[in-house]
C-alpha atoms as a PDB file:
ATOM      1  CA  MET A   1     -12.807 -50.286 -10.908  1.00  0.00           C
ATOM      2  CA  TYR A   2     -12.146 -46.755  -9.571  1.00  0.00           C
ATOM      3  CA  ASP A   3     -14.659 -44.068 -10.562  1.00  0.00           C
ATOM      4  CA  SER A   4     -13.165 -40.558 -10.286  1.00  0.00           C
ATOM      5  CA  LYS A   5     -16.546 -38.780 -10.324  1.00  0.00           C
ATOM      6  CA  GLU A   6     -16.942 -38.554  -6.521  1.00  0.00           C
ATOM      7  CA  ASP A   7     -13.386 -37.302  -5.995  1.00  0.00           C
ATOM      8  CA  THR A   8     -13.744 -34.795  -8.831  1.00  0.00           C
ATOM      9  CA  LEU A   9     -17.016 -33.475  -7.375  1.00  0.00           C
ATOM     10  CA  LYS A  10     -15.319 -33.110  -3.973  1.00  0.00           C
ATOM     11  CA  HIS A  11     -12.434 -31.296  -5.635  1.00  0.00           C
ATOM     12  CA  ILE A  12     -14.865 -28.935  -7.391  1.00  0.00           C
ATOM     13  CA  ASP A  13     -16.584 -28.231  -4.065  1.00  0.00           C
ATOM     14  CA  HIS A  14     -13.226 -27.395  -2.480  1.00  0.00           C
ATOM     15  CA  VAL A  15     -12.352 -25.021  -5.307  1.00  0.00           C
ATOM     16  CA  VAL A  16     -15.763 -23.338  -5.052  1.00  0.00           C
ATOM     17  CA  ASN A  17     -15.207 -22.951  -1.302  1.00  0.00           C
ATOM     18  CA  TYR A  18     -11.762 -21.387  -1.732  1.00  0.00           C
ATOM     19  CA  LEU A  19     -12.907 -19.098  -4.535  1.00  0.00           C
ATOM     20  CA  GLY A  20     -15.834 -18.067  -2.309  1.00  0.00           C
ATOM     21  CA  ARG A  21     -13.356 -17.054   0.391  1.00  0.00           C
ATOM     22  CA  ILE A  22     -11.418 -14.957  -2.112  1.00  0.00           C
ATOM     23  CA  TYR A  23     -14.637 -13.449  -3.489  1.00  0.00           C
ATOM     24  CA  SER A  24     -15.898 -12.477  -0.027  1.00  0.00           C
ATOM     25  CA  GLN A  25     -12.559 -10.866   0.834  1.00  0.00           C
ATOM     26  CA  LEU A  26     -12.593  -8.874  -2.413  1.00  0.00           C
ATOM     27  CA  ILE A  27     -16.147  -7.650  -1.677  1.00  0.00           C
ATOM     28  CA  ILE A  28     -15.134  -6.613   1.853  1.00  0.00           C
ATOM     29  CA  ARG A  29     -12.035  -4.858   0.492  1.00  0.00           C
ATOM     30  CA  GLY A  30     -14.145  -2.985  -2.043  1.00  0.00           C
ATOM     31  CA  GLN A  31     -16.571  -1.826   0.621  1.00  0.00           C
ATOM     32  CA  LYS A  32     -13.785  -0.677   2.972  1.00  0.00           C
ATOM     33  CA  HIS A  33     -11.501   0.717   0.270  1.00  0.00           C
ATOM     34  CA  ASP A  34      -9.943   4.088   1.156  1.00  0.00           C
ATOM     35  CA  GLN A  35     -12.395   4.781   3.994  1.00  0.00           C
ATOM     36  CA  THR A  36      -9.512   6.432   5.873  1.00  0.00           C
ATOM     37  CA  LYS A  37      -9.578   9.266   3.312  1.00  0.00           C
ATOM     38  CA  LEU A  38     -12.932  10.341   4.752  1.00  0.00           C
ATOM     39  CA  PHE A  39     -11.429  11.306   8.133  1.00  0.00           C
ATOM     40  CA  GLU A  40      -8.476  13.239   9.517  1.00  0.00           C
ATOM     41  CA  PRO A  41      -5.532  13.274   9.220  1.00  0.00           C
ATOM     42  CA  GLU A  42      -6.251  12.413   5.575  1.00  0.00           C
ATOM     43  CA  LYS A  43      -9.434  14.204   4.503  1.00  0.00           C
ATOM     44  CA  SER A  44      -8.292  17.829   4.525  1.00  0.00           C
ATOM     45  CA  VAL A  45      -5.067  16.936   2.702  1.00  0.00           C
ATOM     46  CA  PHE A  46      -6.931  14.979   0.010  1.00  0.00           C
ATOM     47  CA  ASP A  47      -9.479  17.814  -0.258  1.00  0.00           C
ATOM     48  CA  GLU A  48      -6.643  20.187  -1.097  1.00  0.00           C
ATOM     49  CA  HIS A  49      -4.479  17.967  -3.284  1.00  0.00           C
ATOM     50  CA  THR A  50      -6.846  15.693  -5.235  1.00  0.00           C
ATOM     51  CA  PRO A  51      -7.753  18.446  -7.754  1.00  0.00           C
ATOM     52  CA  LYS A  52      -4.068  19.370  -8.069  1.00  0.00           C
ATOM     53  CA  LEU A  53      -3.080  15.747  -8.654  1.00  0.00           C
ATOM     54  CA  ALA A  54      -5.738  15.465 -11.366  1.00  0.00           C
ATOM     55  CA  GLN A  55      -3.968  18.244 -13.284  1.00  0.00           C
ATOM     56  CA  SER A  56      -0.525  16.643 -12.972  1.00  0.00           C
ATOM     57  CA  THR A  57       1.023  13.758 -14.873  1.00  0.00           C
ATOM     58  CA  TYR A  58       1.496  10.603 -12.816  1.00  0.00           C
ATOM     59  CA  GLY A  59       5.151  10.151 -11.896  1.00  0.00           C
ATOM     60  CA  SER A  60       6.162  13.696 -12.960  1.00  0.00           C
ATOM     61  CA  ASP A  61       8.220  16.030 -10.773  1.00  0.00           C
ATOM     62  CA  GLU A  62       5.051  18.060 -10.137  1.00  0.00           C
ATOM     63  CA  TYR A  63       3.224  14.903  -9.033  1.00  0.00           C
ATOM     64  CA  LYS A  64       6.074  13.923  -6.719  1.00  0.00           C
ATOM     65  CA  GLU A  65       6.063  17.416  -5.199  1.00  0.00           C
ATOM     66  CA  HIS A  66       2.363  17.009  -4.345  1.00  0.00           C
ATOM     67  CA  LEU A  67       3.166  13.685  -2.679  1.00  0.00           C
ATOM     68  CA  LYS A  68       5.803  15.385  -0.526  1.00  0.00           C
ATOM     69  CA  GLU A  69       3.257  17.999   0.526  1.00  0.00           C
ATOM     70  CA  MET A  70       0.822  15.185   1.394  1.00  0.00           C
ATOM     71  CA  LYS A  71       3.339  13.201   3.471  1.00  0.00           C
ATOM     72  CA  VAL A  72       1.478  13.239   6.805  1.00  0.00           C
ATOM     73  CA  ALA A  73      -1.776  12.059   5.215  1.00  0.00           C
ATOM     74  CA  LEU A  74      -0.055   9.532   2.941  1.00  0.00           C
ATOM     75  CA  ASP A  75       1.991   8.041   5.768  1.00  0.00           C
ATOM     76  CA  HIS A  76      -1.247   7.506   7.693  1.00  0.00           C
ATOM     77  CA  HIS A  77      -3.062   6.198   4.605  1.00  0.00           C
ATOM     78  CA  TYR A  78      -0.339   3.697   3.732  1.00  0.00           C
ATOM     79  CA  SER A  79      -0.078   2.456   7.316  1.00  0.00           C
ATOM     80  CA  GLU A  80      -3.832   1.755   7.418  1.00  0.00           C
ATOM     81  CA  ASN A  81      -4.357   0.350   3.902  1.00  0.00           C
ATOM     82  CA  ARG A  82      -2.542  -2.804   2.904  1.00  0.00           C
ATOM     83  CA  HIS A  83      -3.428  -2.500  -0.796  1.00  0.00           C
ATOM     84  CA  HIS A  84      -0.474  -0.091  -1.053  1.00  0.00           C
ATOM     85  CA  PRO A  85       3.054  -1.505  -1.393  1.00  0.00           C
ATOM     86  CA  GLU A  86       4.144   1.296   0.952  1.00  0.00           C
ATOM     87  CA  HIS A  87       2.231  -0.498   3.738  1.00  0.00           C
ATOM     88  CA  PHE A  88       4.959  -3.156   3.735  1.00  0.00           C
ATOM     89  CA  LYS A  89       8.578  -2.329   4.443  1.00  0.00           C
ATOM     90  CA  LYS A  90      11.951  -3.909   3.931  1.00  0.00           C
ATOM     91  CA  TYR A  91      15.332  -2.541   4.904  1.00  0.00           C
ATOM     92  CA  ALA A  92      18.426  -2.797   2.727  1.00  0.00           C
ATOM     93  CA  CYS A  93      21.849  -2.551   4.350  1.00  0.00           C
ATOM     94  CA  ASN A  94      23.774   0.408   2.930  1.00  0.00           C
ATOM     95  CA  GLY A  95      26.983  -1.622   3.287  1.00  0.00           C
ATOM     96  CA  CYS A  96      26.315  -4.988   1.636  1.00  0.00           C
ATOM     97  CA  PHE A  97      22.683  -4.494   0.446  1.00  0.00           C
ATOM     98  CA  LYS A  98      21.329  -7.500   2.341  1.00  0.00           C
ATOM     99  CA  GLU A  99      17.583  -7.095   2.834  1.00  0.00           C
ATOM    100  CA  PHE A 100      15.738  -7.421   6.138  1.00  0.00           C
ATOM    101  CA  LYS A 101      11.993  -7.527   6.866  1.00  0.00           C
ATOM    102  CA  GLU A 102      12.531  -5.798  10.223  1.00  0.00           C
ATOM    103  CA  MET A 103      14.907  -2.907  10.913  1.00  0.00           C
ATOM    104  CA  PRO A 104      18.024  -4.411  12.541  1.00  0.00           C
ATOM    105  CA  ASN A 105      20.486  -2.482  14.699  1.00  0.00           C
ATOM    106  CA  THR A 106      23.400  -3.756  12.631  1.00  0.00           C
ATOM    107  CA  CYS A 107      23.800  -5.959   9.587  1.00  0.00           C
ATOM    108  CA  ASP A 108      24.694  -9.527  10.515  1.00  0.00           C
ATOM    109  CA  VAL A 109      26.795  -9.822   7.340  1.00  0.00           C
ATOM    110  CA  CYS A 110      28.919  -6.663   7.261  1.00  0.00           C
ATOM    111  CA  GLY A 111      28.214  -5.001  10.613  1.00  0.00           C
ATOM    112  CA  TYR A 112      26.969  -1.814   8.971  1.00  0.00           C
ATOM    113  CA  SER A 113      24.297   0.109  10.903  1.00  0.00           C
ATOM    114  CA  GLN A 114      22.675   2.242   8.201  1.00  0.00           C
ATOM    115  CA  PHE A 115      19.727   0.971   6.185  1.00  0.00           C
ATOM    116  CA  GLN A 116      17.530   2.184   3.362  1.00  0.00           C
ATOM    117  CA  GLU A 117      13.778   1.740   3.919  1.00  0.00           C
ATOM    118  CA  GLU A 118      11.866   0.544   0.850  1.00  0.00           C
ATOM    119  CA  SER A 119       8.347  -0.579   0.036  1.00  0.00           C
ATOM    120  CA  ASP A 120       8.074  -4.359  -0.267  1.00  0.00           C
ATOM    121  CA  ILE A 121       5.402  -5.562  -2.676  1.00  0.00           C
ATOM    122  CA  SER A 122       6.555  -9.165  -2.100  1.00  0.00           C
ATOM    123  CA  GLN A 123       4.843  -9.147   1.315  1.00  0.00           C
ATOM    124  CA  MET A 124       1.443  -8.509  -0.276  1.00  0.00           C
ATOM    125  CA  THR A 125      -1.193 -11.188  -0.769  1.00  0.00           C
ATOM    126  CA  LEU A 126      -3.028 -11.894  -4.005  1.00  0.00           C
ATOM    127  CA  ILE A 127      -6.054 -10.143  -2.462  1.00  0.00           C
ATOM    128  CA  ASP A 128      -3.889  -7.067  -1.763  1.00  0.00           C
ATOM    129  CA  LEU A 129      -2.641  -7.110  -5.363  1.00  0.00           C
ATOM    130  CA  CYS A 130      -6.172  -7.373  -6.787  1.00  0.00           C
ATOM    131  CA  GLU A 131      -7.303  -4.372  -4.761  1.00  0.00           C
ATOM    132  CA  MET A 132      -4.118  -2.512  -5.698  1.00  0.00           C
ATOM    133  CA  ILE A 133      -4.499  -2.959  -9.470  1.00  0.00           C
ATOM    134  CA  ALA A 134      -8.181  -1.967  -9.273  1.00  0.00           C
ATOM    135  CA  ASP A 135      -7.105   1.100  -7.259  1.00  0.00           C
ATOM    136  CA  TRP A 136      -4.452   1.997  -9.822  1.00  0.00           C
ATOM    137  CA  LYS A 137      -6.974   1.726 -12.668  1.00  0.00           C
ATOM    138  CA  ALA A 138      -9.538   3.825 -10.776  1.00  0.00           C
ATOM    139  CA  ALA A 139      -6.848   6.408  -9.966  1.00  0.00           C
ATOM    140  CA  THR A 140      -6.099   6.857 -13.681  1.00  0.00           C
ATOM    141  CA  LEU A 141      -9.723   7.934 -14.146  1.00  0.00           C
ATOM    142  CA  ARG A 142      -9.091  10.871 -11.776  1.00  0.00           C
ATOM    143  CA  HIS A 143      -6.181  12.191 -13.864  1.00  0.00           C
ATOM    144  CA  ASN A 144      -6.781  14.217 -16.985  1.00  0.00           C
ATOM    145  CA  ASN A 145      -4.154  12.135 -18.789  1.00  0.00           C
ATOM    146  CA  GLY A 146      -4.368   8.922 -16.734  1.00  0.00           C
ATOM    147  CA  ASP A 147      -3.030   5.787 -18.401  1.00  0.00           C
ATOM    148  CA  ILE A 148      -3.016   2.489 -16.523  1.00  0.00           C
ATOM    149  CA  MET A 149      -0.359   0.970 -18.786  1.00  0.00           C
ATOM    150  CA  LYS A 150       2.002   3.889 -18.085  1.00  0.00           C
ATOM    151  CA  SER A 151       1.218   3.566 -14.375  1.00  0.00           C
ATOM    152  CA  ILE A 152       2.127  -0.127 -14.423  1.00  0.00           C
ATOM    153  CA  GLU A 153       5.412   0.739 -16.156  1.00  0.00           C
ATOM    154  CA  ILE A 154       6.267   3.581 -13.742  1.00  0.00           C
ATOM    155  CA  ASN A 155       5.283   1.491 -10.731  1.00  0.00           C
ATOM    156  CA  GLN A 156       7.515  -1.379 -11.801  1.00  0.00           C
ATOM    157  CA  LYS A 157      10.500   0.923 -11.315  1.00  0.00           C
ATOM    158  CA  ARG A 158       8.997   2.473  -8.179  1.00  0.00           C
ATOM    159  CA  PHE A 159       8.154  -0.820  -6.428  1.00  0.00           C
ATOM    160  CA  LYS A 160      10.725  -3.077  -8.127  1.00  0.00           C
ATOM    161  CA  TYR A 161       8.408  -5.866  -9.202  1.00  0.00           C
ATOM    162  CA  SER A 162       9.312  -8.480 -11.754  1.00  0.00           C
ATOM    163  CA  ASP A 163       8.527  -8.504 -15.458  1.00  0.00           C
ATOM    164  CA  GLU A 164       6.302 -11.519 -14.771  1.00  0.00           C
ATOM    165  CA  LEU A 165       4.177  -9.598 -12.275  1.00  0.00           C
ATOM    166  CA  LYS A 166       4.057  -6.645 -14.651  1.00  0.00           C
ATOM    167  CA  GLN A 167       2.692  -8.921 -17.386  1.00  0.00           C
ATOM    168  CA  ILE A 168       0.079 -10.297 -14.982  1.00  0.00           C
ATOM    169  CA  PHE A 169      -1.052  -6.733 -14.233  1.00  0.00           C
ATOM    170  CA  ILE A 170      -1.197  -5.880 -17.950  1.00  0.00           C
ATOM    171  CA  LYS A 171      -3.177  -9.027 -18.814  1.00  0.00           C
ATOM    172  CA  THR A 172      -5.536  -8.442 -15.880  1.00  0.00           C
ATOM    173  CA  VAL A 173      -6.212  -4.871 -16.997  1.00  0.00           C
ATOM    174  CA  LYS A 174      -6.817  -5.934 -20.603  1.00  0.00           C
ATOM    175  CA  GLU A 175      -9.066  -8.835 -19.566  1.00  0.00           C
ATOM    176  CA  TYR A 176     -11.161  -7.133 -16.874  1.00  0.00           C
ATOM    177  CA  PHE A 177     -10.831  -3.332 -17.035  1.00  0.00           C
ATOM    178  CA  GLU A 178     -11.061  -2.467 -20.748  1.00  0.00           C
END
């Protein structure tokens, strides 16, 4: 008669191995997180704007104005740090709205040649998302009126993620960050 104990123990070992890989990546991500802010072209911009951002409300017009003023540093930061949805791009045709992962010359559906660049959270890994939600929570601690739940709500509109992913973020915050 078949005894499942050996197969179950093997299965457990596999799961431990895979979780260990995830754990080690999360530790590495934590250690390397936002290191680019310590050097130019980011440091001087963050030196100037971090105190100003702390006084503004996340998502407000004032906040968005600071982001515009920080464009050079933020463009560099996003390009170097994959825990930001802005690291990943997609391109939507302005004619038929078909989405492309790479910028085409013309749309293969309608022939249009103008595209809207957008952040693409769907290209992120689970590791990226874990670092991102931890980053968002930590960022709320820098704002005088920071609120992670409001940030999740605002960012759903900003990055166009599903209600399901939003609920995962909310449950993760409640389970691990409160």
